[in-house]
Every structure is written in C-alpha cells, then in structure tokens.
C-alpha cells in the first residue's frame, strides 16, 4: 500500500506542479525545514507510555499542544487550567508532561491555547459595551500570558496568540497590538495568529507577528470522492492569492490547521459536515485524495512554511465519537499519504 501511494503521489506532483513552483515570491526564503506538524489532542487521562514515538515514526517534526480555555456565549470570561473538570491534558500538569515527552523524542512544539465557546464560536464573539469588552480583554490577556510564560520557561519555539477570533481581531486591533507587545516582553520565541480561511486578508496586525497563520479549511468541491488532479485545479485560485498575500506581507504562511474528515464530500464545506457526522458515509479515499492534493499544491513553495494536521489522538484518547469518520488519519488510507510526504517529500 505504501509503495502504491508513493508512486501515485510522485506521478501527480510531477504532472501537476504549478508554474510558480520553485520561484521566489519576494520574501526571504525560509531556510528551516518544512513544519511537518500534527495537532495533538489533549487526553482526558495521563499517558500510559510515550505517545510521541508513533509521531516521529511517520516523519512528523512538530506537534501543536492545544490546552483549551472555555467561555460561555455572551460572557466576557475565559476559564482555564481547571483541574477539577478539565481533561488532564489541558491542565498545567498535562501540558508540561506532553511537552516533556515531545522533547524526549526531538519534536518541536507550537503551544496553541484555544478558546471553546459553549453554544457559540470564537469567530462570532461580540459585546455590546466597552465595559464588557475590557473585561473580556483582561480575561483573555491573563489566559494567553499564562501560557506565554510556560512557553518561555520551556523554551518552546512558537506560540499561537489566538485562534479564529477574526471579528475581534478587526474590531479590537489596538488590544491585539498591545497584547502582542506584552507577550513579546514575556516570551522570546516566534509568534503566530491563526485566522479562519476566509478572513486571513482582513487581519490588521500581521506585521507584528512572525507567520501568517491560517486554519486552512478552504472549500474545494462537494463531490463525494473527487480525483486528486481535480482538487489540485480547485486549489489553484487559492494558491495564487496566498502566494500574492505572502509576498505583499513579506512573511511565510503557516497552515496552523489543515485536514479533512474521512467521509464523502470532505473536500467541500467541512464545517457543515461536522454537524451531521453520524449520518455520513465513511470514505477514506476522499480524505486521502484531499490530503494528497493539498501537499502537491503547496509543498514545493518556499513561502509555505508547512502546517499542523488536524488532528492526532494519543493512545486513542480524546475523540468525541466517530473516530472512523473524523479528521484523524490514524489507521486510514490518509496515513500513507501523510507518511510519504512527511518522510519522503
């Protein structure tokens, strides 16, 4: 199976490389290796062994450690490190143990604290008064600076300052610029923000960061199981816009999240599919083709820094049901695609 996919990938990439492949785009070319990352799901219970060995075996060189904070819709507070009710992997003890084990295996770490909104989404956060906005800003500042200090103490190479707070980013630019300055005073590594795929051009403070981060769930086509070559063609207008934006900002682009469900139609509007996952048909081929098309589209461009596949369950822990249908490549055809690019790009 691995040999079959290796041949398939090389043929597709050889036939479908874009005209800009290998050309400079105006930014200083990254000399670091591609970030071949996985989004590491915080487990509910402590590890039984070291789950990082499986990650390095497939060729990954980075993981994103993702401790969640929690908010209620409409309430300007962020709760985090709540050992009484949060999963172990999201507590300080779990985060530090995850970092320790990853370092043992030579993995680099993006610390990516995220906020989950009960009955809502971070992209739609809105408050009606300045008092509420200031309360939220103070609460979020405490949340992210708490993790900035951990990132500095652990000498982690990268920290994500926020994920998909795109409406807030546009409305409260002054707050974010002030926050970034404060984080820089606490933390000496690289900084990234993760914008939703349709909002990255509207974020006003890229100049204060080191990477343009994108949750790269660009909808390509709703077809049940499209061909790789068709998906590469669908990527073309997005690739051109991303290349131009990278050149304009003189910054590399990092896919802070990317991935596909293993169901029919997964290359389309994936956020709609998540709502009815139990009713959808498993289609590992659709997931594998979509992943292959993404890699063939971006891998050879110097302005693309790489990314973090969403997502990876350590020791099988942390899934919310239907792991055979969700984003993980574990035990699926997509694993062959991932391994072939991560180990033998």
Protein backbone atom coordinates (compact mmCIF):
# COMPACT_ATOMS: atom_id res chain seq x y z
CA UNK A 1 0.00 0.00 0.00
CA UNK A 2 2.79 2.45 0.89
CA UNK A 3 4.63 1.75 -2.39
CA UNK A 4 1.41 2.25 -4.35
CA UNK A 5 0.79 5.63 -2.76
CA UNK A 6 4.42 6.69 -3.20
CA UNK A 7 4.17 6.10 -6.96
CA UNK A 8 0.79 7.82 -7.16
CA UNK A 9 1.97 10.91 -5.31
CA UNK A 10 5.13 11.33 -7.37
CA UNK A 11 3.19 10.98 -10.63
CA UNK A 12 0.59 13.52 -9.62
CA UNK A 13 3.15 16.03 -8.38
CA UNK A 14 5.29 15.63 -11.47
CA UNK A 15 2.33 16.25 -13.76
CA UNK A 16 0.61 18.98 -11.78
CA UNK A 17 3.31 21.32 -10.41
CA UNK A 18 2.30 24.92 -10.88
CA UNK A 19 4.27 27.49 -12.90
CA UNK A 20 5.32 29.37 -9.75
CA UNK A 21 6.87 26.26 -8.23
CA UNK A 22 10.42 26.96 -7.06
CA UNK A 23 10.31 30.68 -7.84
CA UNK A 24 10.96 33.33 -5.22
CA UNK A 25 7.95 35.37 -4.21
CA UNK A 26 9.71 38.42 -2.84
CA UNK A 27 10.02 37.24 0.76
CA UNK A 28 13.25 35.98 2.28
CA UNK A 29 13.08 32.25 1.69
CA UNK A 30 12.75 30.13 4.77
CA UNK A 31 15.84 28.09 5.41
CA UNK A 32 14.23 25.97 8.08
CA UNK A 33 12.77 22.58 7.11
CA UNK A 34 9.06 22.41 6.47
CA UNK A 35 6.93 22.22 9.58
CA UNK A 36 5.50 18.72 9.36
CA UNK A 37 3.15 19.05 12.25
CA UNK A 38 0.27 17.30 13.97
CA UNK A 39 -2.39 18.87 16.19
CA UNK A 40 -2.03 16.83 19.37
CA UNK A 41 -5.32 16.25 21.18
CA UNK A 42 -5.08 16.77 24.93
CA UNK A 43 -6.10 13.43 26.50
CA UNK A 44 -8.62 13.10 29.34
CA UNK A 45 -6.29 10.79 31.29
CA UNK A 46 -2.49 10.64 31.80
CA UNK A 47 -0.47 8.77 29.18
CA UNK A 48 0.22 5.09 29.70
CA UNK A 49 3.52 5.33 27.81
CA UNK A 50 5.20 7.84 25.50
CA UNK A 51 2.81 8.51 22.59
CA UNK A 52 5.40 10.62 20.77
CA UNK A 53 7.23 7.66 19.26
CA UNK A 54 4.35 6.98 16.88
CA UNK A 55 4.51 10.61 15.77
CA UNK A 56 8.21 10.60 14.91
CA UNK A 57 7.81 7.24 13.15
CA UNK A 58 5.64 8.85 10.46
CA UNK A 59 8.15 11.67 9.97
CA UNK A 60 6.47 14.48 11.89
CA UNK A 61 8.87 17.03 13.37
CA UNK A 62 6.41 19.32 15.22
CA UNK A 63 3.29 18.99 17.33
CA UNK A 64 0.78 21.62 18.37
CA UNK A 65 -0.05 21.32 22.06
CA UNK A 66 -3.59 22.67 22.49
CA UNK A 67 -4.81 23.45 26.02
CA UNK A 68 -8.37 24.79 25.79
CA UNK A 69 -9.89 27.63 27.71
CA UNK A 70 -13.67 27.85 27.96
CA UNK A 71 -16.21 30.64 27.76
CA UNK A 72 -19.99 30.92 27.81
CA UNK A 73 -21.56 32.62 24.82
CA UNK A 74 -22.01 36.32 25.57
CA UNK A 75 -19.98 36.23 28.79
CA UNK A 76 -16.61 38.04 28.86
CA UNK A 77 -14.63 35.47 30.82
CA UNK A 78 -12.16 32.73 29.90
CA UNK A 79 -11.69 29.80 32.29
CA UNK A 80 -8.60 27.60 32.03
CA UNK A 81 -6.41 25.14 33.95
CA UNK A 82 -9.42 23.90 35.88
CA UNK A 83 -8.13 20.60 37.24
CA UNK A 84 -11.50 19.70 38.78
CA UNK A 85 -13.37 19.47 35.48
CA UNK A 86 -10.98 19.86 32.53
CA UNK A 87 -9.26 16.95 30.83
CA UNK A 88 -5.87 16.10 32.30
CA UNK A 89 -4.05 17.07 29.09
CA UNK A 90 -5.44 20.62 29.31
CA UNK A 91 -4.22 21.23 32.87
CA UNK A 92 -0.77 22.63 33.56
CA UNK A 93 0.42 19.19 34.68
CA UNK A 94 -0.78 17.60 31.45
CA UNK A 95 0.66 20.34 29.26
CA UNK A 96 4.07 20.11 30.93
CA UNK A 97 4.15 16.32 30.67
CA UNK A 98 3.18 16.47 26.99
CA UNK A 99 5.99 18.95 26.37
CA UNK A 100 8.50 16.82 28.28
CA UNK A 101 7.70 13.68 26.32
CA UNK A 102 7.74 15.52 22.98
CA UNK A 103 11.16 16.96 23.75
CA UNK A 104 12.43 13.48 24.57
CA UNK A 105 11.57 12.43 21.00
CA UNK A 106 13.14 15.54 19.46
CA UNK A 107 9.84 17.15 18.47
CA UNK A 108 9.42 20.91 18.26
CA UNK A 109 6.33 22.42 19.82
CA UNK A 110 3.79 25.06 18.91
CA UNK A 111 1.87 25.96 22.05
CA UNK A 112 -1.60 26.78 20.74
CA UNK A 113 -4.03 27.72 23.53
CA UNK A 114 -7.57 27.91 22.13
CA UNK A 115 -10.91 29.05 23.49
CA UNK A 116 -14.04 26.94 23.18
CA UNK A 117 -17.32 28.85 23.36
CA UNK A 118 -20.26 26.88 24.75
CA UNK A 119 -23.17 27.23 22.29
CA UNK A 120 -21.11 29.54 20.08
CA UNK A 121 -17.94 30.09 18.07
CA UNK A 122 -14.97 32.35 18.71
CA UNK A 123 -15.32 33.91 15.26
CA UNK A 124 -18.61 35.48 16.35
CA UNK A 125 -17.60 36.91 19.74
CA UNK A 126 -19.26 40.27 20.27
CA UNK A 127 -20.02 42.50 23.25
CA UNK A 128 -22.33 45.49 23.45
CA UNK A 129 -20.48 47.69 25.93
CA UNK A 130 -16.93 48.91 26.42
CA UNK A 131 -17.03 47.62 29.98
CA UNK A 132 -17.72 44.09 28.73
CA UNK A 133 -15.04 44.38 26.07
CA UNK A 134 -12.46 45.46 28.67
CA UNK A 135 -13.48 42.60 30.95
CA UNK A 136 -13.01 40.13 28.09
CA UNK A 137 -9.68 41.66 27.10
CA UNK A 138 -8.35 41.38 30.65
CA UNK A 139 -9.55 37.79 30.92
CA UNK A 140 -8.08 36.76 27.57
CA UNK A 141 -4.81 38.56 28.39
CA UNK A 142 -4.48 36.55 31.60
CA UNK A 143 -5.21 33.33 29.69
CA UNK A 144 -2.69 33.78 26.90
CA UNK A 145 0.04 35.34 29.05
CA UNK A 146 -0.22 32.38 31.42
CA UNK A 147 0.75 30.14 28.50
CA UNK A 148 3.33 32.60 27.18
CA UNK A 149 5.19 32.20 30.47
CA UNK A 150 5.04 28.41 30.14
CA UNK A 151 6.31 28.66 26.55
CA UNK A 152 9.24 30.81 27.72
CA UNK A 153 10.06 28.61 30.72
CA UNK A 154 10.04 25.52 28.49
CA UNK A 155 11.95 27.32 25.68
CA UNK A 156 9.33 26.43 23.09
CA UNK A 157 10.00 27.73 19.58
CA UNK A 158 6.49 29.04 18.76
CA UNK A 159 3.32 30.32 20.41
CA UNK A 160 -0.08 30.98 18.84
CA UNK A 161 -1.58 34.14 20.34
CA UNK A 162 -5.20 33.35 19.34
CA UNK A 163 -7.26 31.17 17.01
CA UNK A 164 -10.09 32.38 14.74
CA UNK A 165 -11.04 35.45 16.81
CA UNK A 166 -11.34 37.21 13.48
CA UNK A 167 -14.21 39.60 14.26
CA UNK A 168 -12.46 40.61 17.47
CA UNK A 169 -9.15 40.99 15.62
CA UNK A 170 -10.65 43.56 13.26
CA UNK A 171 -12.71 45.37 15.89
CA UNK A 172 -10.10 45.46 18.67
CA UNK A 173 -6.83 45.90 16.78
CA UNK A 174 -5.35 48.17 19.46
CA UNK A 175 -5.91 45.49 22.08
CA UNK A 176 -4.21 42.81 20.00
CA UNK A 177 -1.22 45.02 19.24
CA UNK A 178 -0.87 45.82 22.92
CA UNK A 179 -1.24 42.12 23.75
CA UNK A 180 1.44 41.12 21.25
CA UNK A 181 3.85 43.65 22.78
CA UNK A 182 3.15 42.22 26.23
CA UNK A 183 3.66 38.66 25.01
CA UNK A 184 6.97 39.70 23.39
CA UNK A 185 8.09 41.00 26.80
CA UNK A 186 7.39 37.59 28.33
CA UNK A 187 8.33 35.21 25.53
CA UNK A 188 11.30 35.16 23.16
CA UNK A 189 10.11 32.66 20.53
CA UNK A 190 8.13 33.08 17.30
CA UNK A 191 4.52 34.26 17.30
CA UNK A 192 1.62 33.35 15.02
CA UNK A 193 -2.10 34.06 14.89
CA UNK A 194 -4.50 31.51 13.36
CA UNK A 195 -7.06 33.18 11.08
CA UNK A 196 -10.01 31.37 9.58
CA UNK A 197 -9.52 30.51 5.90
CA UNK A 198 -11.89 33.26 4.67
CA UNK A 199 -10.58 36.03 6.95
CA UNK A 200 -6.79 36.00 6.71
CA UNK A 201 -6.74 39.02 4.39
CA UNK A 202 -8.65 41.09 6.96
CA UNK A 203 -6.36 40.63 9.97
CA UNK A 204 -4.74 44.03 10.65
CA UNK A 205 -1.70 43.08 12.73
CA UNK A 206 0.25 40.53 10.68
CA UNK A 207 3.22 42.94 10.70
CA UNK A 208 3.58 42.40 14.46
CA UNK A 209 3.94 38.60 14.10
CA UNK A 210 6.37 36.12 12.55
CA UNK A 211 4.00 33.93 10.50
CA UNK A 212 0.68 34.34 8.72
CA UNK A 213 -1.31 31.54 10.31
CA UNK A 214 -4.40 30.10 8.63
CA UNK A 215 -6.95 27.48 9.59
CA UNK A 216 -6.89 26.16 6.03
CA UNK A 217 -10.32 24.62 5.54
CA UNK A 218 -10.77 26.12 2.09
CA UNK A 219 -13.84 24.53 0.43
CA UNK A 220 -12.85 22.95 -2.89
CA UNK A 221 -15.75 20.81 -4.14
CA UNK A 222 -18.68 18.89 -2.63
CA UNK A 223 -18.27 15.83 -4.85
CA UNK A 224 -18.33 12.58 -2.87
CA UNK A 225 -14.82 11.40 -3.81
CA UNK A 226 -13.05 13.78 -6.21
CA UNK A 227 -9.84 12.99 -8.04
CA UNK A 228 -6.53 14.42 -6.87
CA UNK A 229 -5.95 16.28 -10.14
CA UNK A 230 -9.35 17.97 -9.93
CA UNK A 231 -8.68 19.07 -6.37
CA UNK A 232 -5.30 20.50 -7.37
CA UNK A 233 -7.08 22.58 -10.01
CA UNK A 234 -9.57 23.73 -7.37
CA UNK A 235 -6.70 24.83 -5.15
CA UNK A 236 -5.15 26.99 -7.88
CA UNK A 237 -7.01 30.29 -7.26
CA UNK A 238 -6.47 29.98 -3.51
CA UNK A 239 -2.78 29.20 -4.02
CA UNK A 240 -2.32 32.27 -6.20
CA UNK A 241 -3.99 34.54 -3.64
CA UNK A 242 -1.95 33.04 -0.81
CA UNK A 243 1.30 33.47 -2.73
CA UNK A 244 0.47 37.09 -3.50
CA UNK A 245 -0.53 37.79 0.11
CA UNK A 246 2.68 36.22 1.41
CA UNK A 247 4.72 38.40 -0.94
CA UNK A 248 2.76 41.52 -0.01
CA UNK A 249 3.33 40.97 3.72
CA UNK A 250 6.88 39.61 3.23
CA UNK A 251 6.01 36.73 5.55
CA UNK A 252 5.72 32.95 5.24
CA UNK A 253 2.32 31.29 5.53
CA UNK A 254 1.76 28.53 8.07
CA UNK A 255 -1.32 26.32 7.97
CA UNK A 256 -1.95 26.33 11.72
CA UNK A 257 -4.70 23.80 10.98
CA UNK A 258 -5.48 21.69 7.93
CA UNK A 259 -7.22 18.40 7.38
CA UNK A 260 -10.23 16.51 6.11
CA UNK A 261 -12.89 14.26 7.54
CA UNK A 262 -12.85 10.69 6.24
CA UNK A 263 -16.33 10.93 4.76
CA UNK A 264 -17.92 11.60 1.39
CA UNK A 265 -17.73 15.24 0.37
CA UNK A 266 -14.94 16.07 2.81
CA UNK A 267 -13.21 18.45 0.37
CA UNK A 268 -16.22 20.79 0.49
CA UNK A 269 -17.64 22.81 3.36
CA UNK A 270 -16.31 20.64 6.14
CA UNK A 271 -17.87 22.73 8.94
CA UNK A 272 -21.31 21.73 7.67
CA UNK A 273 -20.37 18.06 7.63
CA UNK A 274 -19.24 18.17 11.26
CA UNK A 275 -22.83 18.87 12.31
CA UNK A 276 -24.16 15.60 10.90
CA UNK A 277 -21.13 13.32 11.13
CA UNK A 278 -23.11 10.36 12.40
CA UNK A 279 -25.23 10.31 9.25
CA UNK A 280 -22.38 10.44 6.74
CA UNK A 281 -20.74 7.55 4.89
CA UNK A 282 -17.12 6.69 5.58
CA UNK A 283 -14.85 7.42 2.62
CA UNK A 284 -11.16 7.03 3.32
CA UNK A 285 -10.25 7.55 -0.32
CA UNK A 286 -11.85 11.02 -0.32
CA UNK A 287 -9.79 12.03 2.71
CA UNK A 288 -6.57 10.62 1.25
CA UNK A 289 -7.10 12.36 -2.11
CA UNK A 290 -7.85 15.70 -0.47
CA UNK A 291 -4.73 15.50 1.68
CA UNK A 292 -2.57 14.49 -1.27
CA UNK A 293 -3.86 17.41 -3.35
CA UNK A 294 -3.03 19.89 -0.59
CA UNK A 295 0.52 18.63 -0.28
CA UNK A 296 1.07 18.54 -4.05
CA UNK A 297 -0.19 22.13 -4.28
CA UNK A 298 1.92 23.72 -1.57
CA UNK A 299 4.89 21.57 -0.63
CA UNK A 300 7.41 22.96 -3.11
CA UNK A 301 6.71 26.64 -2.44
CA UNK A 302 9.21 28.36 -0.16
CA UNK A 303 6.59 30.79 1.16
CA UNK A 304 4.58 27.88 2.57
CA UNK A 305 6.13 27.03 5.93
CA UNK A 306 4.16 23.80 6.37
CA UNK A 307 1.40 23.14 8.84
CA UNK A 308 -0.34 21.11 11.53
CA UNK A 309 -2.71 18.33 10.52
CA UNK A 310 -5.95 18.32 12.49
CA UNK A 311 -5.80 16.00 14.45
CA UNK A 312 -3.96 13.23 16.32
CA UNK A 313 -5.28 11.14 19.22
CA UNK A 314 -2.53 10.00 21.60
CA UNK A 315 -3.10 6.37 22.57
CA UNK A 316 -6.57 6.69 21.04
CA UNK A 317 -7.69 9.12 23.76
CA UNK A 318 -9.73 12.27 23.31
CA UNK A 319 -12.07 11.59 20.41
CA UNK A 320 -15.66 12.72 20.66
CA UNK A 321 -17.16 9.75 18.83
CA UNK A 322 -16.92 8.55 15.22
CA UNK A 323 -13.08 8.44 15.01
CA UNK A 324 -13.51 6.39 11.82
CA UNK A 325 -15.09 9.49 10.23
CA UNK A 326 -13.29 12.43 11.77
CA UNK A 327 -10.07 14.25 10.86
CA UNK A 328 -7.51 11.86 12.26
CA UNK A 329 -5.51 9.86 9.66
CA UNK A 330 -4.73 7.14 12.20
CA UNK A 331 -5.45 3.68 10.80
CA UNK A 332 -6.70 5.11 7.49
CA UNK A 333 -5.53 5.44 3.89
CA UNK A 334 -4.59 9.07 4.62
CA UNK A 335 -1.81 7.82 6.88
CA UNK A 336 0.08 6.55 3.85
CA UNK A 337 -0.18 9.95 2.16
CA UNK A 338 0.91 11.76 5.31
CA UNK A 339 3.84 9.46 5.92
CA UNK A 340 5.05 9.62 2.33
CA UNK A 341 5.20 13.41 2.39
CA UNK A 342 6.47 13.76 5.93
CA UNK A 343 9.21 11.16 5.48
CA UNK A 344 9.98 11.38 1.74
CA UNK A 345 8.74 14.70 0.34
